[in-house]
C-alpha atoms as a PDB file:
ATOM      1  CA  MET A   1     121.643  25.915  54.906  1.00  0.00           C
ATOM      2  CA  LYS A   2     123.396  29.257  55.071  1.00  0.00           C
ATOM      3  CA  GLU A   3     124.731  30.697  51.841  1.00  0.00           C
ATOM      4  CA  SER A   4     128.291  30.878  53.227  1.00  0.00           C
ATOM      5  CA  ALA A   5     128.236  27.153  54.084  1.00  0.00           C
ATOM      6  CA  TYR A   6     126.950  26.341  50.626  1.00  0.00           C
ATOM      7  CA  LYS A   7     129.731  28.356  48.994  1.00  0.00           C
ATOM      8  CA  GLY A   8     132.313  26.644  51.194  1.00  0.00           C
ATOM      9  CA  ILE A   9     131.154  23.185  50.154  1.00  0.00           C
ATOM     10  CA  VAL A  10     131.148  24.134  46.477  1.00  0.00           C
ATOM     11  CA  LEU A  11     134.654  25.596  46.774  1.00  0.00           C
ATOM     12  CA  ALA A  12     135.942  22.506  48.606  1.00  0.00           C
ATOM     13  CA  PHE A  13     134.549  20.201  45.914  1.00  0.00           C
ATOM     14  CA  GLY A  14     136.079  22.390  43.235  1.00  0.00           C
ATOM     15  CA  LEU A  15     139.532  22.377  44.847  1.00  0.00           C
ATOM     16  CA  LEU A  16     139.397  18.626  45.362  1.00  0.00           C
ATOM     17  CA  LEU A  17     138.409  18.073  41.754  1.00  0.00           C
ATOM     18  CA  LEU A  18     141.168  20.412  40.557  1.00  0.00           C
ATOM     19  CA  ALA A  19     143.791  18.615  42.658  1.00  0.00           C
ATOM     20  CA  VAL A  20     142.771  15.189  41.361  1.00  0.00           C
ATOM     21  CA  VAL A  21     142.802  16.333  37.742  1.00  0.00           C
ATOM     22  CA  ALA A  22     146.144  18.131  38.167  1.00  0.00           C
ATOM     23  CA  LEU A  23     147.769  14.996  39.604  1.00  0.00           C
ATOM     24  CA  TRP A  24     146.367  12.879  36.792  1.00  0.00           C
ATOM     25  CA  LEU A  25     147.566  15.343  34.144  1.00  0.00           C
ATOM     26  CA  TYR A  26     151.053  15.453  35.663  1.00  0.00           C
ATOM     27  CA  SER A  27     151.207  11.664  35.678  1.00  0.00           C
ATOM     28  CA  ARG A  28     149.956  11.499  32.110  1.00  0.00           C
ATOM     29  CA  TYR A  29     152.452  14.161  30.971  1.00  0.00           C
ATOM     30  CA  SER A  30     155.311  12.184  32.522  1.00  0.00           C
ATOM     31  CA  GLU A  31     154.162   9.038  30.713  1.00  0.00           C
ATOM     32  CA  ILE A  32     153.909  10.860  27.374  1.00  0.00           C
ATOM     33  CA  ARG A  33     157.332  12.475  27.819  1.00  0.00           C
ATOM     34  CA  THR A  34     158.991   9.186  28.775  1.00  0.00           C
ATOM     35  CA  ALA A  35     157.447   7.375  25.800  1.00  0.00           C
ATOM     36  CA  ALA A  36     158.519  10.142  23.383  1.00  0.00           C
ATOM     37  CA  ILE A  37     162.097  10.066  24.698  1.00  0.00           C
ATOM     38  CA  GLU A  38     162.248   6.271  24.410  1.00  0.00           C
ATOM     39  CA  ARG A  39     161.088   6.502  20.781  1.00  0.00           C
ATOM     40  CA  LYS A  40     163.679   9.182  20.113  1.00  0.00           C
ATOM     41  CA  LYS A  41     166.436   7.074  21.651  1.00  0.00           C
ATOM     42  CA  ALA A  42     165.471   3.946  19.713  1.00  0.00           C
ATOM     43  CA  GLU A  43     165.158   5.728  16.372  1.00  0.00           C
ATOM     44  CA  THR A  44     168.430   7.621  16.777  1.00  0.00           C
ATOM     45  CA  ALA A  45     170.355   4.549  17.947  1.00  0.00           C
ATOM     46  CA  ALA A  46     169.087   2.434  15.041  1.00  0.00           C
ATOM     47  CA  TYR A  47     169.963   5.161  12.522  1.00  0.00           C
ATOM     48  CA  LEU A  48     173.472   5.783  13.865  1.00  0.00           C
ATOM     49  CA  ARG A  49     174.329   2.094  14.094  1.00  0.00           C
ATOM     50  CA  GLY A  50     173.098   1.509  10.568  1.00  0.00           C
ATOM     51  CA  ARG A  51     175.146   4.364   9.118  1.00  0.00           C
ATOM     52  CA  LEU A  52     178.254   3.429  11.099  1.00  0.00           C
ATOM     53  CA  SER A  53     178.129  -0.211  10.025  1.00  0.00           C
ATOM     54  CA  ALA A  54     177.851   0.876   6.392  1.00  0.00           C
ATOM     55  CA  LEU A  55     180.577   3.530   6.436  1.00  0.00           C
ATOM     56  CA  VAL A  56     183.053   2.880   9.253  1.00  0.00           C
ATOM     57  CA  ASP A  57     185.291  -0.101   9.900  1.00  0.00           C
ATOM     58  CA  PRO A  58     184.987  -1.076  13.593  1.00  0.00           C
ATOM     59  CA  GLY A  59     188.764  -1.213  13.765  1.00  0.00           C
ATOM     60  CA  VAL A  60     189.061   2.583  13.581  1.00  0.00           C
ATOM     61  CA  PHE A  61     187.836   2.891  17.172  1.00  0.00           C
ATOM     62  CA  SER A  62     191.149   1.482  18.371  1.00  0.00           C
ATOM     63  CA  GLY A  63     192.992   4.499  16.955  1.00  0.00           C
ATOM     64  CA  ALA A  64     195.931   2.485  15.582  1.00  0.00           C
ATOM     65  CA  ASP A  65     195.795   4.500  12.372  1.00  0.00           C
ATOM     66  CA  SER A  66     194.850   8.091  13.270  1.00  0.00           C
ATOM     67  CA  ILE A  67     194.552   9.229   9.659  1.00  0.00           C
ATOM     68  CA  ARG A  68     192.233   6.369   8.754  1.00  0.00           C
ATOM     69  CA  GLN A  69     190.266   6.981  11.919  1.00  0.00           C
ATOM     70  CA  ARG A  70     189.814  10.669  11.170  1.00  0.00           C
ATOM     71  CA  GLN A  71     188.792  10.034   7.568  1.00  0.00           C
ATOM     72  CA  GLY A  72     186.330   7.324   8.550  1.00  0.00           C
ATOM     73  CA  PHE A  73     184.571   9.421  11.173  1.00  0.00           C
ATOM     74  CA  GLN A  74     184.598  12.472   8.925  1.00  0.00           C
ATOM     75  CA  SER A  75     182.857  10.508   6.157  1.00  0.00           C
ATOM     76  CA  PHE A  76     180.333   9.245   8.688  1.00  0.00           C
ATOM     77  CA  PHE A  77     179.584  12.761   9.921  1.00  0.00           C
ATOM     78  CA  VAL A  78     179.164  14.118   6.384  1.00  0.00           C
ATOM     79  CA  SER A  79     176.666  11.341   5.642  1.00  0.00           C
ATOM     80  CA  ILE A  80     174.407  12.248   8.596  1.00  0.00           C
ATOM     81  CA  GLN A  81     174.995  16.005   8.858  1.00  0.00           C
ATOM     82  CA  SER A  82     171.837  18.056   8.634  1.00  0.00           C
ATOM     83  CA  ARG A  83     169.950  20.728  10.513  1.00  0.00           C
ATOM     84  CA  GLU A  84     168.658  17.931  12.757  1.00  0.00           C
ATOM     85  CA  ALA A  85     172.118  16.467  13.416  1.00  0.00           C
ATOM     86  CA  SER A  86     174.637  19.286  13.373  1.00  0.00           C
ATOM     87  CA  LYS A  87     177.099  17.890  15.913  1.00  0.00           C
ATOM     88  CA  ILE A  88     178.512  14.528  16.959  1.00  0.00           C
ATOM     89  CA  LYS A  89     181.131  13.364  19.425  1.00  0.00           C
ATOM     90  CA  ILE A  90     182.817   9.963  19.544  1.00  0.00           C
ATOM     91  CA  TRP A  91     184.562   8.268  22.487  1.00  0.00           C
ATOM     92  CA  ASN A  92     186.627   5.095  22.630  1.00  0.00           C
ATOM     93  CA  ARG A  93     186.555   2.606  25.495  1.00  0.00           C
ATOM     94  CA  ASP A  94     189.096   4.696  27.434  1.00  0.00           C
ATOM     95  CA  LEU A  95     186.548   7.560  27.674  1.00  0.00           C
ATOM     96  CA  THR A  96     188.735   9.615  25.330  1.00  0.00           C
ATOM     97  CA  VAL A  97     187.164  11.764  22.615  1.00  0.00           C
ATOM     98  CA  VAL A  98     188.584  10.416  19.332  1.00  0.00           C
ATOM     99  CA  TRP A  99     186.508  12.604  17.006  1.00  0.00           C
ATOM    100  CA  SER A 100     184.247  15.582  17.408  1.00  0.00           C
ATOM    101  CA  ASN A 101     182.507  18.258  15.442  1.00  0.00           C
ATOM    102  CA  PRO A 102     183.745  20.838  16.196  1.00  0.00           C
ATOM    103  CA  GLY A 103     187.132  19.274  16.906  1.00  0.00           C
ATOM    104  CA  GLY A 104     188.208  21.310  19.941  1.00  0.00           C
ATOM    105  CA  SER A 105     187.536  18.522  22.437  1.00  0.00           C
ATOM    106  CA  VAL A 106     189.467  15.734  20.653  1.00  0.00           C
ATOM    107  CA  GLN A 107     191.777  13.742  22.942  1.00  0.00           C
ATOM    108  CA  GLN A 108     189.998  15.003  26.037  1.00  0.00           C
ATOM    109  CA  GLN A 109     188.824  12.450  28.558  1.00  0.00           C
ATOM    110  CA  SER A 110     185.244  12.377  29.825  1.00  0.00           C
ATOM    111  CA  THR A 111     185.661  10.380  33.012  1.00  0.00           C
ATOM    112  CA  GLU A 112     182.954  12.477  34.741  1.00  0.00           C
ATOM    113  CA  ASN A 113     180.384  12.089  31.971  1.00  0.00           C
ATOM    114  CA  ARG A 114     177.845   9.669  33.438  1.00  0.00           C
ATOM    115  CA  LYS A 115     175.975   9.211  30.142  1.00  0.00           C
ATOM    116  CA  VAL A 116     179.147   8.088  28.357  1.00  0.00           C
ATOM    117  CA  ARG A 117     179.958   5.617  31.114  1.00  0.00           C
ATOM    118  CA  GLU A 118     176.412   4.220  30.988  1.00  0.00           C
ATOM    119  CA  ALA A 119     176.635   3.862  27.211  1.00  0.00           C
ATOM    120  CA  LEU A 120     179.910   1.953  27.539  1.00  0.00           C
ATOM    121  CA  GLY A 121     177.920  -0.413  29.740  1.00  0.00           C
ATOM    122  CA  GLY A 122     175.502  -1.025  26.865  1.00  0.00           C
ATOM    123  CA  GLU A 123     172.699   1.430  27.703  1.00  0.00           C
ATOM    124  CA  VAL A 124     171.587   4.117  25.255  1.00  0.00           C
ATOM    125  CA  GLY A 125     171.790   7.408  27.145  1.00  0.00           C
ATOM    126  CA  PHE A 126     169.752  10.541  26.625  1.00  0.00           C
ATOM    127  CA  ALA A 127     169.810  14.066  27.993  1.00  0.00           C
ATOM    128  CA  ILE A 128     168.468  17.480  27.054  1.00  0.00           C
ATOM    129  CA  GLU A 129     171.374  19.901  27.259  1.00  0.00           C
ATOM    130  CA  ARG A 130     171.564  23.657  26.823  1.00  0.00           C
ATOM    131  CA  GLN A 131     174.338  24.434  24.345  1.00  0.00           C
ATOM    132  CA  ARG A 132     175.253  27.020  21.773  1.00  0.00           C
ATOM    133  CA  PRO A 133     175.318  25.379  18.333  1.00  0.00           C
ATOM    134  CA  GLU A 134     178.126  26.383  16.040  1.00  0.00           C
ATOM    135  CA  HIS A 135     175.947  28.378  13.642  1.00  0.00           C
ATOM    136  CA  LEU A 136     174.358  30.581  16.367  1.00  0.00           C
ATOM    137  CA  PRO A 137     175.773  33.745  17.981  1.00  0.00           C
ATOM    138  CA  GLU A 138     177.390  33.473  21.407  1.00  0.00           C
ATOM    139  CA  SER A 139     174.395  35.163  23.033  1.00  0.00           C
ATOM    140  CA  GLN A 140     172.025  32.421  21.828  1.00  0.00           C
ATOM    141  CA  VAL A 141     171.658  28.955  23.284  1.00  0.00           C
ATOM    142  CA  GLN A 142     169.108  26.265  22.667  1.00  0.00           C
ATOM    143  CA  ASP A 143     168.028  22.913  24.038  1.00  0.00           C
ATOM    144  CA  LEU A 144     169.703  20.000  22.301  1.00  0.00           C
ATOM    145  CA  CYS A 145     168.801  16.324  22.553  1.00  0.00           C
ATOM    146  CA  ALA A 146     172.029  14.423  23.222  1.00  0.00           C
ATOM    147  CA  THR A 147     171.718  10.700  22.478  1.00  0.00           C
ATOM    148  CA  TYR A 148     174.637   8.501  23.576  1.00  0.00           C
ATOM    149  CA  VAL A 149     174.761   5.300  21.528  1.00  0.00           C
ATOM    150  CA  PRO A 150     177.043   2.347  22.356  1.00  0.00           C
ATOM    151  CA  ILE A 151     178.714   0.886  19.256  1.00  0.00           C
ATOM    152  CA  SER A 152     179.519  -2.824  19.190  1.00  0.00           C
ATOM    153  CA  ASP A 153     181.440  -5.112  16.839  1.00  0.00           C
ATOM    154  CA  ALA A 154     180.146  -8.337  15.316  1.00  0.00           C
ATOM    155  CA  LYS A 155     180.901 -10.217  18.532  1.00  0.00           C
ATOM    156  CA  GLY A 156     178.862  -7.782  20.624  1.00  0.00           C
ATOM    157  CA  ASP A 157     181.874  -6.187  22.302  1.00  0.00           C
ATOM    158  CA  ILE A 158     181.402  -2.448  22.818  1.00  0.00           C
ATOM    159  CA  LEU A 159     183.994  -0.424  20.910  1.00  0.00           C
ATOM    160  CA  GLY A 160     182.986   3.088  21.884  1.00  0.00           C
ATOM    161  CA  VAL A 161     180.201   5.620  22.115  1.00  0.00           C
ATOM    162  CA  VAL A 162     178.752   8.017  19.555  1.00  0.00           C
ATOM    163  CA  ALA A 163     176.757  11.014  20.769  1.00  0.00           C
ATOM    164  CA  VAL A 164     174.606  12.968  18.346  1.00  0.00           C
ATOM    165  CA  TYR A 165     173.175  16.379  19.230  1.00  0.00           C
ATOM    166  CA  GLN A 166     169.839  17.398  17.726  1.00  0.00           C
ATOM    167  CA  PRO A 167     167.550  20.396  18.331  1.00  0.00           C
ATOM    168  CA  ALA A 168     165.006  19.522  21.011  1.00  0.00           C
ATOM    169  CA  GLN A 169     162.235  21.633  19.478  1.00  0.00           C
ATOM    170  CA  SER A 170     160.666  18.763  17.529  1.00  0.00           C
ATOM    171  CA  LEU A 171     160.663  16.563  20.637  1.00  0.00           C
ATOM    172  CA  HIS A 172     159.038  19.316  22.716  1.00  0.00           C
ATOM    173  CA  GLU A 173     156.392  19.832  20.027  1.00  0.00           C
ATOM    174  CA  GLU A 174     155.646  16.108  19.843  1.00  0.00           C
ATOM    175  CA  ILE A 175     155.195  15.894  23.613  1.00  0.00           C
ATOM    176  CA  ARG A 176     153.078  19.056  23.734  1.00  0.00           C
ATOM    177  CA  SER A 177     150.857  17.950  20.851  1.00  0.00           C
ATOM    178  CA  GLU A 178     150.159  14.512  22.337  1.00  0.00           C
ATOM    179  CA  PHE A 179     149.580  15.988  25.793  1.00  0.00           C
ATOM    180  CA  ASN A 180     147.125  18.575  24.460  1.00  0.00           C
ATOM    181  CA  GLN A 181     145.080  15.795  22.869  1.00  0.00           C
ATOM    182  CA  TRP A 182     144.445  14.553  26.403  1.00  0.00           C
ATOM    183  CA  ALA A 183     144.423  17.804  28.372  1.00  0.00           C
ATOM    184  CA  LEU A 184     142.007  19.900  26.303  1.00  0.00           C
ATOM    185  CA  PRO A 185     139.087  17.403  26.272  1.00  0.00           C
ATOM    186  CA  LEU A 186     139.647  16.761  29.963  1.00  0.00           C
ATOM    187  CA  GLY A 187     139.613  20.489  30.686  1.00  0.00           C
ATOM    188  CA  VAL A 188     136.282  20.878  28.900  1.00  0.00           C
ATOM    189  CA  PHE A 189     134.873  17.846  30.707  1.00  0.00           C
ATOM    190  CA  MET A 190     136.091  19.219  34.040  1.00  0.00           C
ATOM    191  CA  PHE A 191     134.497  22.619  33.387  1.00  0.00           C
ATOM    192  CA  ILE A 192     131.156  21.072  32.433  1.00  0.00           C
ATOM    193  CA  GLY A 193     131.267  18.591  35.295  1.00  0.00           C
ATOM    194  CA  TYR A 194     132.029  21.267  37.861  1.00  0.00           C
ATOM    195  CA  GLY A 195     129.183  23.417  36.549  1.00  0.00           C
ATOM    196  CA  MET A 196     126.759  20.502  36.846  1.00  0.00           C
ATOM    197  CA  LEU A 197     128.063  19.795  40.355  1.00  0.00           C
ATOM    198  CA  VAL A 198     127.444  23.388  41.429  1.00  0.00           C
ATOM    199  CA  LEU A 199     123.929  23.274  39.981  1.00  0.00           C
ATOM    200  CA  LEU A 200     123.180  19.949  41.697  1.00  0.00           C
ATOM    201  CA  LEU A 201     124.446  21.153  45.059  1.00  0.00           C
ATOM    202  CA  HIS A 202     122.417  24.331  44.682  1.00  0.00           C
ATOM    203  CA  MET A 203     119.267  22.335  44.010  1.00  0.00           C
ATOM    204  CA  LEU A 204     119.890  19.995  46.957  1.00  0.00           C
ATOM    205  CA  MET A 205     120.756  22.685  49.482  1.00  0.00           C
ATOM    206  CA  THR A 206     118.225  25.361  48.593  1.00  0.00           C
ATOM    207  CA  PRO A 207     115.098  25.026  50.846  1.00  0.00           C
ATOM    208  CA  LYS A 208     112.005  24.095  48.903  1.00  0.00           C
ATOM    209  CA  SER A 209     109.400  26.867  48.972  1.00  0.00           C
ATOM    210  CA  ALA A 210     105.670  26.186  48.970  1.00  0.00           C
ATOM    211  CA  SER A 211     104.136  25.790  45.546  1.00  0.00           C
ATOM    212  CA  PRO A 212     101.694  28.450  44.228  1.00  0.00           C
ATOM    213  CA  ALA A 213      98.794  25.935  44.324  1.00  0.00           C
ATOM    214  CA  ALA A 214      99.469  25.186  47.985  1.00  0.00           C
ATOM    215  CA  ILE A 215      99.626  28.875  48.763  1.00  0.00           C
ATOM    216  CA  ASP A 216      96.267  29.534  47.050  1.00  0.00           C
ATOM    217  CA  ALA A 217      94.625  26.602  48.862  1.00  0.00           C
ATOM    218  CA  SER A 218      95.977  27.765  52.185  1.00  0.00           C
ATOM    219  CA  SER A 219      94.721  31.312  51.571  1.00  0.00           C
ATOM    220  CA  PHE A 220      91.275  30.049  50.609  1.00  0.00           C
ATOM    221  CA  HIS A 221      91.088  27.817  53.693  1.00  0.00           C
ATOM    222  CA  HIS A 222      92.049  30.631  56.039  1.00  0.00           C
ATOM    223  CA  GLY A 223      89.635  32.983  54.309  1.00  0.00           C
ATOM    224  CA  LYS A 224      86.801  30.518  54.728  1.00  0.00           C
ATOM    225  CA  GLU A 225      87.514  30.047  58.454  1.00  0.00           C
ATOM    226  CA  GLY A 226      87.651  33.786  58.949  1.00  0.00           C
ATOM    227  CA  SER A 227      84.326  34.167  57.173  1.00  0.00           C
ATOM    228  CA  SER A 228      82.541  31.523  59.245  1.00  0.00           C
ATOM    229  CA  ALA A 229      83.861  32.947  62.470  1.00  0.00           C
ATOM    230  CA  ALA A 230      82.446  36.419  61.755  1.00  0.00           C
ATOM    231  CA  PRO A 231      79.828  37.563  64.430  1.00  0.00           C
ATOM    232  CA  THR A 232      76.236  37.723  63.350  1.00  0.00           C
ATOM    233  CA  ALA A 233      74.037  40.794  63.856  1.00  0.00           C
END
């Protein structure tokens, strides 16, 4: 087989192998990312609900007593405030912001916020949003994990929604670390496997040359025939 044909087959096998591995890695990355987000949502929702039930009377969501409402949500925010939870926003069932840190958006309606509407339907929402946290300069923004948690009373009726905003760096690192545990060994395996494939194809497609023993026997045979055919004096 010609060398160009051999190279073409090797290249085709390599591209096919690369495509299959790339598709598998993309699928695996999506699975890892989805699982990490679901864990994040569950952990955040459980934490927020636990702190709210311990510190805030469900009645404050109605807003009948604005002072009591503000004090209750302020105490709740102070209890969870940290570098990992530097901002929260709270909506009532009318999609109105009843408390926020910072407080510039209080009394605004979020009728276009799909995540809030989904949370009012009972589903924990999640999104990665690019925002400028309060402690950073205006020129700096970062990815924040926004988790929208529906809050219910003892009867199971949804009272409102609490959104907590956390830096997304830890989530990105968790996803990247778990993905690398799969990708790096697979990359090494792919490299070794492709090298063995190239070697195997080379061995199968390279014409077999005569062995040295066969060559010597053939030379001796021809030499003997030539000798016996020589004319006599």
